[in-house]
Amino acid sequence: MIVVNAKAKTTSENILNLKNVIFDLEQETLKEKGCLDYAFSADINNPNVMRITELWEDLQSLKDHLETEHVAVFREEMSKNPIDVEAHFYESEEIPYPG
């Protein structure tokens, strides 16, 4: 499984401007082959930060996702509403709850 853990920093205004395109991106991505989970969320302690979490069955599924039309639309909108994104990519396997 591939895990993407990202943090996007921008202004509250830019986040609001991107809200609809983010909604569309999430909905279309969740339909993709190999997508296990995909979500943007607001940082409760900082309104200028979004968290992005993605789970993919394999690396090829993630690579295919990056070539989709909805990702291209999102990138275009990001160019109009600049975001500083720090993303980390991990290969992992699920384990039982350790508690």
PDB file of N, CA and C in Angstrom:
ATOM      1  N   MET A   1       0.854  -1.174   0.000  1.00  0.00           N
ATOM      2  CA  MET A   1       0.000   0.000   0.000  1.00  0.00           C
ATOM      3  C   MET A   1       0.896   1.233   0.000  1.00  0.00           C
ATOM      4  N   ILE A   2       0.463   2.262  -0.731  1.00  0.00           N
ATOM      5  CA  ILE A   2       1.161   3.543  -0.761  1.00  0.00           C
ATOM      6  C   ILE A   2       0.360   4.548   0.065  1.00  0.00           C
ATOM      7  N   VAL A   3       1.051   5.245   0.958  1.00  0.00           N
ATOM      8  CA  VAL A   3       0.429   6.261   1.806  1.00  0.00           C
ATOM      9  C   VAL A   3       1.040   7.606   1.436  1.00  0.00           C
ATOM     10  N   VAL A   4       0.171   8.582   1.219  1.00  0.00           N
ATOM     11  CA  VAL A   4       0.617   9.954   0.981  1.00  0.00           C
ATOM     12  C   VAL A   4       0.123  10.788   2.150  1.00  0.00           C
ATOM     13  N   ASN A   5       1.054  11.485   2.780  1.00  0.00           N
ATOM     14  CA  ASN A   5       0.743  12.374   3.894  1.00  0.00           C
ATOM     15  C   ASN A   5       1.262  13.751   3.506  1.00  0.00           C
ATOM     16  N   ALA A   6       0.353  14.697   3.282  1.00  0.00           N
ATOM     17  CA  ALA A   6       0.770  16.013   2.807  1.00  0.00           C
ATOM     18  C   ALA A   6       0.151  17.117   3.644  1.00  0.00           C
ATOM     19  N   LYS A   7       0.865  18.248   3.664  1.00  0.00           N
ATOM     20  CA  LYS A   7       0.386  19.446   4.339  1.00  0.00           C
ATOM     21  C   LYS A   7       0.455  20.585   3.330  1.00  0.00           C
ATOM     22  N   ALA A   8      -0.667  21.285   3.169  1.00  0.00           N
ATOM     23  CA  ALA A   8      -0.739  22.393   2.227  1.00  0.00           C
ATOM     24  C   ALA A   8      -0.966  23.686   2.997  1.00  0.00           C
ATOM     25  N   LYS A   9      -0.062  24.642   2.808  1.00  0.00           N
ATOM     26  CA  LYS A   9      -0.167  25.934   3.492  1.00  0.00           C
ATOM     27  C   LYS A   9      -0.509  27.010   2.469  1.00  0.00           C
ATOM     28  N   THR A  10      -1.472  27.844   2.818  1.00  0.00           N
ATOM     29  CA  THR A  10      -1.872  28.958   1.973  1.00  0.00           C
ATOM     30  C   THR A  10      -2.708  29.920   2.802  1.00  0.00           C
ATOM     31  N   THR A  11      -3.434  30.787   2.156  1.00  0.00           N
ATOM     32  CA  THR A  11      -4.315  31.700   2.894  1.00  0.00           C
ATOM     33  C   THR A  11      -5.712  31.097   3.003  1.00  0.00           C
ATOM     34  N   SER A  12      -6.459  31.558   3.973  1.00  0.00           N
ATOM     35  CA  SER A  12      -7.853  31.117   4.111  1.00  0.00           C
ATOM     36  C   SER A  12      -8.632  31.434   2.846  1.00  0.00           C
ATOM     37  N   GLU A  13      -8.338  32.571   2.238  1.00  0.00           N
ATOM     38  CA  GLU A  13      -9.017  32.972   1.002  1.00  0.00           C
ATOM     39  C   GLU A  13      -8.732  31.969  -0.120  1.00  0.00           C
ATOM     40  N   ASN A  14      -7.472  31.565  -0.279  1.00  0.00           N
ATOM     41  CA  ASN A  14      -7.135  30.593  -1.313  1.00  0.00           C
ATOM     42  C   ASN A  14      -7.836  29.261  -1.068  1.00  0.00           C
ATOM     43  N   ILE A  15      -7.917  28.851   0.183  1.00  0.00           N
ATOM     44  CA  ILE A  15      -8.599  27.600   0.515  1.00  0.00           C
ATOM     45  C   ILE A  15     -10.060  27.690   0.096  1.00  0.00           C
ATOM     46  N   LEU A  16     -10.706  28.806   0.407  1.00  0.00           N
ATOM     47  CA  LEU A  16     -12.105  28.988   0.002  1.00  0.00           C
ATOM     48  C   LEU A  16     -12.246  28.988  -1.519  1.00  0.00           C
ATOM     49  N   ASN A  17     -11.312  29.615  -2.208  1.00  0.00           N
ATOM     50  CA  ASN A  17     -11.346  29.650  -3.671  1.00  0.00           C
ATOM     51  C   ASN A  17     -11.210  28.247  -4.273  1.00  0.00           C
ATOM     52  N   LEU A  18     -10.518  27.366  -3.589  1.00  0.00           N
ATOM     53  CA  LEU A  18     -10.262  26.012  -4.097  1.00  0.00           C
ATOM     54  C   LEU A  18     -11.291  24.982  -3.630  1.00  0.00           C
ATOM     55  N   LYS A  19     -12.198  25.393  -2.768  1.00  0.00           N
ATOM     56  CA  LYS A  19     -13.112  24.440  -2.140  1.00  0.00           C
ATOM     57  C   LYS A  19     -13.865  23.572  -3.156  1.00  0.00           C
ATOM     58  N   ASN A  20     -14.437  24.179  -4.180  1.00  0.00           N
ATOM     59  CA  ASN A  20     -15.214  23.410  -5.156  1.00  0.00           C
ATOM     60  C   ASN A  20     -14.342  22.467  -5.971  1.00  0.00           C
ATOM     61  N   VAL A  21     -13.168  22.937  -6.384  1.00  0.00           N
ATOM     62  CA  VAL A  21     -12.287  22.072  -7.171  1.00  0.00           C
ATOM     63  C   VAL A  21     -11.740  20.930  -6.310  1.00  0.00           C
ATOM     64  N   ILE A  22     -11.507  21.190  -5.021  1.00  0.00           N
ATOM     65  CA  ILE A  22     -11.075  20.123  -4.114  1.00  0.00           C
ATOM     66  C   ILE A  22     -12.186  19.087  -3.954  1.00  0.00           C
ATOM     67  N   PHE A  23     -13.424  19.550  -3.818  1.00  0.00           N
ATOM     68  CA  PHE A  23     -14.553  18.621  -3.715  1.00  0.00           C
ATOM     69  C   PHE A  23     -14.602  17.721  -4.947  1.00  0.00           C
ATOM     70  N   ASP A  24     -14.527  18.327  -6.134  1.00  0.00           N
ATOM     71  CA  ASP A  24     -14.558  17.545  -7.370  1.00  0.00           C
ATOM     72  C   ASP A  24     -13.387  16.574  -7.446  1.00  0.00           C
ATOM     73  N   LEU A  25     -12.199  17.044  -7.064  1.00  0.00           N
ATOM     74  CA  LEU A  25     -11.004  16.195  -7.074  1.00  0.00           C
ATOM     75  C   LEU A  25     -11.198  14.985  -6.168  1.00  0.00           C
ATOM     76  N   GLU A  26     -11.691  15.213  -4.961  1.00  0.00           N
ATOM     77  CA  GLU A  26     -11.921  14.097  -4.030  1.00  0.00           C
ATOM     78  C   GLU A  26     -12.918  13.096  -4.606  1.00  0.00           C
ATOM     79  N   GLN A  27     -14.044  13.598  -5.106  1.00  0.00           N
ATOM     80  CA  GLN A  27     -15.095  12.704  -5.605  1.00  0.00           C
ATOM     81  C   GLN A  27     -14.607  11.872  -6.788  1.00  0.00           C
ATOM     82  N   GLU A  28     -13.907  12.478  -7.709  1.00  0.00           N
ATOM     83  CA  GLU A  28     -13.417  11.742  -8.878  1.00  0.00           C
ATOM     84  C   GLU A  28     -12.290  10.780  -8.513  1.00  0.00           C
ATOM     85  N   THR A  29     -11.424  11.201  -7.605  1.00  0.00           N
ATOM     86  CA  THR A  29     -10.307  10.348  -7.205  1.00  0.00           C
ATOM     87  C   THR A  29     -10.806   9.095  -6.501  1.00  0.00           C
ATOM     88  N   LEU A  30     -11.815   9.231  -5.657  1.00  0.00           N
ATOM     89  CA  LEU A  30     -12.349   8.070  -4.934  1.00  0.00           C
ATOM     90  C   LEU A  30     -12.932   7.012  -5.872  1.00  0.00           C
ATOM     91  N   LYS A  31     -13.233   7.379  -7.108  1.00  0.00           N
ATOM     92  CA  LYS A  31     -13.745   6.436  -8.105  1.00  0.00           C
ATOM     93  C   LYS A  31     -12.627   5.678  -8.832  1.00  0.00           C
ATOM     94  N   GLU A  32     -11.394   6.140  -8.668  1.00  0.00           N
ATOM     95  CA  GLU A  32     -10.277   5.581  -9.426  1.00  0.00           C
ATOM     96  C   GLU A  32      -9.894   4.182  -8.955  1.00  0.00           C
ATOM     97  N   LYS A  33      -9.469   3.382  -9.922  1.00  0.00           N
ATOM     98  CA  LYS A  33      -8.953   2.049  -9.611  1.00  0.00           C
ATOM     99  C   LYS A  33      -7.725   2.200  -8.711  1.00  0.00           C
ATOM    100  N   GLY A  34      -7.697   1.463  -7.631  1.00  0.00           N
ATOM    101  CA  GLY A  34      -6.553   1.477  -6.737  1.00  0.00           C
ATOM    102  C   GLY A  34      -6.614   2.493  -5.616  1.00  0.00           C
ATOM    103  N   CYS A  35      -7.607   3.386  -5.640  1.00  0.00           N
ATOM    104  CA  CYS A  35      -7.731   4.375  -4.570  1.00  0.00           C
ATOM    105  C   CYS A  35      -8.484   3.756  -3.399  1.00  0.00           C
ATOM    106  N   LEU A  36      -7.831   3.710  -2.247  1.00  0.00           N
ATOM    107  CA  LEU A  36      -8.456   3.174  -1.035  1.00  0.00           C
ATOM    108  C   LEU A  36      -9.059   4.283  -0.176  1.00  0.00           C
ATOM    109  N   ASP A  37      -8.434   5.460  -0.192  1.00  0.00           N
ATOM    110  CA  ASP A  37      -8.949   6.614   0.544  1.00  0.00           C
ATOM    111  C   ASP A  37      -8.255   7.854   0.010  1.00  0.00           C
ATOM    112  N   TYR A  38      -8.980   8.973   0.050  1.00  0.00           N
ATOM    113  CA  TYR A  38      -8.434  10.228  -0.457  1.00  0.00           C
ATOM    114  C   TYR A  38      -9.219  11.354   0.194  1.00  0.00           C
ATOM    115  N   ALA A  39      -8.548  12.210   0.970  1.00  0.00           N
ATOM    116  CA  ALA A  39      -9.283  13.246   1.685  1.00  0.00           C
ATOM    117  C   ALA A  39      -8.411  14.456   1.985  1.00  0.00           C
ATOM    118  N   PHE A  40      -9.035  15.616   1.844  1.00  0.00           N
ATOM    119  CA  PHE A  40      -8.479  16.875   2.329  1.00  0.00           C
ATOM    120  C   PHE A  40      -9.192  17.175   3.644  1.00  0.00           C
ATOM    121  N   SER A  41      -8.490  17.764   4.584  1.00  0.00           N
ATOM    122  CA  SER A  41      -9.127  18.167   5.836  1.00  0.00           C
ATOM    123  C   SER A  41      -8.475  19.455   6.325  1.00  0.00           C
ATOM    124  N   ALA A  42      -9.251  20.201   7.107  1.00  0.00           N
ATOM    125  CA  ALA A  42      -8.757  21.460   7.667  1.00  0.00           C
ATOM    126  C   ALA A  42      -7.985  21.179   8.948  1.00  0.00           C
ATOM    127  N   ASP A  43      -6.893  21.884   9.128  1.00  0.00           N
ATOM    128  CA  ASP A  43      -6.142  21.796  10.379  1.00  0.00           C
ATOM    129  C   ASP A  43      -6.923  22.592  11.426  1.00  0.00           C
ATOM    130  N   ILE A  44      -7.372  21.940  12.449  1.00  0.00           N
ATOM    131  CA  ILE A  44      -8.237  22.571  13.453  1.00  0.00           C
ATOM    132  C   ILE A  44      -7.546  23.726  14.184  1.00  0.00           C
ATOM    133  N   ASN A  45      -6.220  23.708  14.230  1.00  0.00           N
ATOM    134  CA  ASN A  45      -5.488  24.750  14.942  1.00  0.00           C
ATOM    135  C   ASN A  45      -4.921  25.836  14.040  1.00  0.00           C
ATOM    136  N   ASN A  46      -5.057  25.668  12.714  1.00  0.00           N
ATOM    137  CA  ASN A  46      -4.509  26.659  11.799  1.00  0.00           C
ATOM    138  C   ASN A  46      -5.365  26.708  10.530  1.00  0.00           C
ATOM    139  N   PRO A  47      -6.163  27.748  10.361  1.00  0.00           N
ATOM    140  CA  PRO A  47      -7.065  27.829   9.204  1.00  0.00           C
ATOM    141  C   PRO A  47      -6.350  27.998   7.869  1.00  0.00           C
ATOM    142  N   ASN A  48      -5.048  28.197   7.890  1.00  0.00           N
ATOM    143  CA  ASN A  48      -4.276  28.344   6.660  1.00  0.00           C
ATOM    144  C   ASN A  48      -3.592  27.047   6.244  1.00  0.00           C
ATOM    145  N   VAL A  49      -3.971  25.948   6.883  1.00  0.00           N
ATOM    146  CA  VAL A  49      -3.344  24.655   6.580  1.00  0.00           C
ATOM    147  C   VAL A  49      -4.416  23.609   6.288  1.00  0.00           C
ATOM    148  N   MET A  50      -4.182  22.855   5.212  1.00  0.00           N
ATOM    149  CA  MET A  50      -4.997  21.683   4.896  1.00  0.00           C
ATOM    150  C   MET A  50      -4.111  20.458   4.994  1.00  0.00           C
ATOM    151  N   ARG A  51      -4.694  19.362   5.400  1.00  0.00           N
ATOM    152  CA  ARG A  51      -3.997  18.075   5.433  1.00  0.00           C
ATOM    153  C   ARG A  51      -4.575  17.216   4.311  1.00  0.00           C
ATOM    154  N   ILE A  52      -3.721  16.496   3.640  1.00  0.00           N
ATOM    155  CA  ILE A  52      -4.161  15.613   2.566  1.00  0.00           C
ATOM    156  C   ILE A  52      -3.652  14.211   2.891  1.00  0.00           C
ATOM    157  N   THR A  53      -4.580  13.273   2.901  1.00  0.00           N
ATOM    158  CA  THR A  53      -4.238  11.882   3.169  1.00  0.00           C
ATOM    159  C   THR A  53      -4.722  11.037   2.003  1.00  0.00           C
ATOM    160  N   GLU A  54      -3.839  10.204   1.498  1.00  0.00           N
ATOM    161  CA  GLU A  54      -4.188   9.325   0.389  1.00  0.00           C
ATOM    162  C   GLU A  54      -3.702   7.916   0.702  1.00  0.00           C
ATOM    163  N   LEU A  55      -4.513   6.926   0.337  1.00  0.00           N
ATOM    164  CA  LEU A  55      -4.120   5.523   0.430  1.00  0.00           C
ATOM    165  C   LEU A  55      -4.357   4.887  -0.937  1.00  0.00           C
ATOM    166  N   TRP A  56      -3.333   4.252  -1.466  1.00  0.00           N
ATOM    167  CA  TRP A  56      -3.376   3.633  -2.787  1.00  0.00           C
ATOM    168  C   TRP A  56      -2.977   2.167  -2.691  1.00  0.00           C
ATOM    169  N   GLU A  57      -3.601   1.334  -3.484  1.00  0.00           N
ATOM    170  CA  GLU A  57      -3.254  -0.090  -3.494  1.00  0.00           C
ATOM    171  C   GLU A  57      -1.802  -0.310  -3.881  1.00  0.00           C
ATOM    172  N   ASP A  58      -1.314   0.493  -4.844  1.00  0.00           N
ATOM    173  CA  ASP A  58       0.053   0.305  -5.334  1.00  0.00           C
ATOM    174  C   ASP A  58       0.552   1.595  -5.979  1.00  0.00           C
ATOM    175  N   LEU A  59       1.825   1.618  -6.281  1.00  0.00           N
ATOM    176  CA  LEU A  59       2.457   2.817  -6.838  1.00  0.00           C
ATOM    177  C   LEU A  59       1.893   3.157  -8.210  1.00  0.00           C
ATOM    178  N   GLN A  60       1.599   2.158  -9.021  1.00  0.00           N
ATOM    179  CA  GLN A  60       1.070   2.432 -10.356  1.00  0.00           C
ATOM    180  C   GLN A  60      -0.275   3.156 -10.278  1.00  0.00           C
ATOM    181  N   SER A  61      -1.107   2.792  -9.317  1.00  0.00           N
ATOM    182  CA  SER A  61      -2.389   3.482  -9.149  1.00  0.00           C
ATOM    183  C   SER A  61      -2.177   4.958  -8.846  1.00  0.00           C
ATOM    184  N   LEU A  62      -1.212   5.270  -8.000  1.00  0.00           N
ATOM    185  CA  LEU A  62      -0.904   6.669  -7.696  1.00  0.00           C
ATOM    186  C   LEU A  62      -0.375   7.383  -8.936  1.00  0.00           C
ATOM    187  N   LYS A  63       0.522   6.737  -9.671  1.00  0.00           N
ATOM    188  CA  LYS A  63       1.059   7.348 -10.895  1.00  0.00           C
ATOM    189  C   LYS A  63      -0.059   7.619 -11.898  1.00  0.00           C
ATOM    190  N   ASP A  64      -0.981   6.674 -12.050  1.00  0.00           N
ATOM    191  CA  ASP A  64      -2.101   6.861 -12.969  1.00  0.00           C
ATOM    192  C   ASP A  64      -2.971   8.040 -12.519  1.00  0.00           C
ATOM    193  N   HIS A  65      -3.189   8.149 -11.223  1.00  0.00           N
ATOM    194  CA  HIS A  65      -3.975   9.257 -10.664  1.00  0.00           C
ATOM    195  C   HIS A  65      -3.376  10.605 -11.051  1.00  0.00           C
ATOM    196  N   LEU A  66      -2.069  10.720 -10.987  1.00  0.00           N
ATOM    197  CA  LEU A  66      -1.399  11.989 -11.268  1.00  0.00           C
ATOM    198  C   LEU A  66      -1.533  12.415 -12.728  1.00  0.00           C
ATOM    199  N   GLU A  67      -1.985  11.509 -13.588  1.00  0.00           N
ATOM    200  CA  GLU A  67      -2.166  11.808 -15.011  1.00  0.00           C
ATOM    201  C   GLU A  67      -3.626  12.075 -15.382  1.00  0.00           C
ATOM    202  N   THR A  68      -4.529  12.119 -14.417  1.00  0.00           N
ATOM    203  CA  THR A  68      -5.948  12.290 -14.715  1.00  0.00           C
ATOM    204  C   THR A  68      -6.306  13.744 -14.989  1.00  0.00           C
ATOM    205  N   GLU A  69      -7.449  13.926 -15.637  1.00  0.00           N
ATOM    206  CA  GLU A  69      -7.946  15.265 -15.955  1.00  0.00           C
ATOM    207  C   GLU A  69      -8.266  16.053 -14.687  1.00  0.00           C
ATOM    208  N   HIS A  70      -8.843  15.394 -13.660  1.00  0.00           N
ATOM    209  CA  HIS A  70      -9.204  16.137 -12.451  1.00  0.00           C
ATOM    210  C   HIS A  70      -7.975  16.625 -11.690  1.00  0.00           C
ATOM    211  N   VAL A  71      -6.872  15.915 -11.772  1.00  0.00           N
ATOM    212  CA  VAL A  71      -5.629  16.413 -11.171  1.00  0.00           C
ATOM    213  C   VAL A  71      -5.117  17.604 -11.981  1.00  0.00           C
ATOM    214  N   ALA A  72      -5.216  17.544 -13.295  1.00  0.00           N
ATOM    215  CA  ALA A  72      -4.791  18.666 -14.140  1.00  0.00           C
ATOM    216  C   ALA A  72      -5.612  19.918 -13.828  1.00  0.00           C
ATOM    217  N   VAL A  73      -6.913  19.769 -13.648  1.00  0.00           N
ATOM    218  CA  VAL A  73      -7.777  20.902 -13.299  1.00  0.00           C
ATOM    219  C   VAL A  73      -7.361  21.473 -11.944  1.00  0.00           C
ATOM    220  N   PHE A  74      -7.111  20.601 -10.983  1.00  0.00           N
ATOM    221  CA  PHE A  74      -6.691  21.052  -9.649  1.00  0.00           C
ATOM    222  C   PHE A  74      -5.365  21.827  -9.737  1.00  0.00           C
ATOM    223  N   ARG A  75      -4.417  21.295 -10.488  1.00  0.00           N
ATOM    224  CA  ARG A  75      -3.127  21.983 -10.635  1.00  0.00           C
ATOM    225  C   ARG A  75      -3.303  23.372 -11.260  1.00  0.00           C
ATOM    226  N   GLU A  76      -4.178  23.465 -12.252  1.00  0.00           N
ATOM    227  CA  GLU A  76      -4.452  24.752 -12.896  1.00  0.00           C
ATOM    228  C   GLU A  76      -5.014  25.752 -11.889  1.00  0.00           C
ATOM    229  N   GLU A  77      -5.964  25.301 -11.078  1.00  0.00           N
ATOM    230  CA  GLU A  77      -6.552  26.183 -10.071  1.00  0.00           C
ATOM    231  C   GLU A  77      -5.536  26.547  -8.985  1.00  0.00           C
ATOM    232  N   MET A  78      -4.652  25.604  -8.653  1.00  0.00           N
ATOM    233  CA  MET A  78      -3.596  25.909  -7.671  1.00  0.00           C
ATOM    234  C   MET A  78      -2.673  27.011  -8.184  1.00  0.00           C
ATOM    235  N   SER A  79      -2.459  27.054  -9.480  1.00  0.00           N
ATOM    236  CA  SER A  79      -1.577  28.095 -10.025  1.00  0.00           C
ATOM    237  C   SER A  79      -2.194  29.488  -9.851  1.00  0.00           C
ATOM    238  N   LYS A  80      -3.515  29.543  -9.747  1.00  0.00           N
ATOM    239  CA  LYS A  80      -4.215  30.818  -9.521  1.00  0.00           C
ATOM    240  C   LYS A  80      -4.330  31.145  -8.031  1.00  0.00           C
ATOM    241  N   ASN A  81      -4.199  30.139  -7.188  1.00  0.00           N
ATOM    242  CA  ASN A  81      -4.326  30.271  -5.731  1.00  0.00           C
ATOM    243  C   ASN A  81      -3.154  29.524  -5.096  1.00  0.00           C
ATOM    244  N   PRO A  82      -1.982  30.127  -5.090  1.00  0.00           N
ATOM    245  CA  PRO A  82      -0.766  29.412  -4.700  1.00  0.00           C
ATOM    246  C   PRO A  82      -0.845  28.725  -3.333  1.00  0.00           C
ATOM    247  N   ILE A  83      -0.321  27.509  -3.333  1.00  0.00           N
ATOM    248  CA  ILE A  83      -0.278  26.683  -2.137  1.00  0.00           C
ATOM    249  C   ILE A  83       1.133  26.126  -2.004  1.00  0.00           C
ATOM    250  N   ASP A  84       1.648  26.141  -0.798  1.00  0.00           N
ATOM    251  CA  ASP A  84       2.932  25.515  -0.502  1.00  0.00           C
ATOM    252  C   ASP A  84       2.643  24.116   0.024  1.00  0.00           C
ATOM    253  N   VAL A  85       2.964  23.094  -0.763  1.00  0.00           N
ATOM    254  CA  VAL A  85       2.650  21.716  -0.387  1.00  0.00           C
ATOM    255  C   VAL A  85       3.923  20.970  -0.018  1.00  0.00           C
ATOM    256  N   GLU A  86       3.867  20.319   1.136  1.00  0.00           N
ATOM    257  CA  GLU A  86       4.939  19.420   1.581  1.00  0.00           C
ATOM    258  C   GLU A  86       4.319  18.031   1.634  1.00  0.00           C
ATOM    259  N   ALA A  87       4.788  17.128   0.764  1.00  0.00           N
ATOM    260  CA  ALA A  87       4.192  15.794   0.680  1.00  0.00           C
ATOM    261  C   ALA A  87       5.242  14.725   0.934  1.00  0.00           C
ATOM    262  N   HIS A  88       4.801  13.673   1.614  1.00  0.00           N
ATOM    263  CA  HIS A  88       5.662  12.525   1.901  1.00  0.00           C
ATOM    264  C   HIS A  88       4.946  11.277   1.422  1.00  0.00           C
ATOM    265  N   PHE A  89       5.715  10.359   0.826  1.00  0.00           N
ATOM    266  CA  PHE A  89       5.171   9.150   0.221  1.00  0.00           C
ATOM    267  C   PHE A  89       5.816   7.938   0.889  1.00  0.00           C
ATOM    268  N   TYR A  90       4.971   6.982   1.269  1.00  0.00           N
ATOM    269  CA  TYR A  90       5.455   5.817   2.001  1.00  0.00           C
ATOM    270  C   TYR A  90       4.877   4.536   1.412  1.00  0.00           C
ATOM    271  N   GLU A  91       5.672   3.497   1.429  1.00  0.00           N
ATOM    272  CA  GLU A  91       5.176   2.167   1.126  1.00  0.00           C
ATOM    273  C   GLU A  91       4.962   1.493   2.477  1.00  0.00           C
ATOM    274  N   SER A  92       3.774   0.928   2.692  1.00  0.00           N
ATOM    275  CA  SER A  92       3.480   0.391   4.025  1.00  0.00           C
ATOM    276  C   SER A  92       2.552  -0.804   3.927  1.00  0.00           C
ATOM    277  N   GLU A  93       2.367  -1.416   5.072  1.00  0.00           N
ATOM    278  CA  GLU A  93       1.367  -2.478   5.182  1.00  0.00           C
ATOM    279  C   GLU A  93       0.556  -2.203   6.441  1.00  0.00           C
ATOM    280  N   GLU A  94      -0.722  -2.525   6.391  1.00  0.00           N
ATOM    281  CA  GLU A  94      -1.592  -2.292   7.520  1.00  0.00           C
ATOM    282  C   GLU A  94      -1.295  -3.307   8.620  1.00  0.00           C
ATOM    283  N   ILE A  95      -1.324  -2.845   9.856  1.00  0.00           N
ATOM    284  CA  ILE A  95      -1.133  -3.730  11.012  1.00  0.00           C
ATOM    285  C   ILE A  95      -2.335  -3.585  11.935  1.00  0.00           C
ATOM    286  N   PRO A  96      -2.561  -4.561  12.787  1.00  0.00           N
ATOM    287  CA  PRO A  96      -3.675  -4.438  13.737  1.00  0.00           C
ATOM    288  C   PRO A  96      -3.409  -3.314  14.744  1.00  0.00           C
ATOM    289  N   TYR A  97      -4.469  -2.818  15.335  1.00  0.00           N
ATOM    290  CA  TYR A  97      -4.370  -1.807  16.383  1.00  0.00           C
ATOM    291  C   TYR A  97      -3.421  -2.312  17.470  1.00  0.00           C
ATOM    292  N   PRO A  98      -2.377  -1.538  17.797  1.00  0.00           N
ATOM    293  CA  PRO A  98      -1.362  -2.021  18.731  1.00  0.00           C
ATOM    294  C   PRO A  98      -1.744  -1.906  20.203  1.00  0.00           C
ATOM    295  N   GLY A  99      -2.913  -1.334  20.502  1.00  0.00           N
ATOM    296  CA  GLY A  99      -3.284  -1.131  21.900  1.00  0.00           C
ATOM    297  C   GLY A  99      -3.994  -2.307  22.420  1.00  0.00           C
TER     298      GLY A  99
END
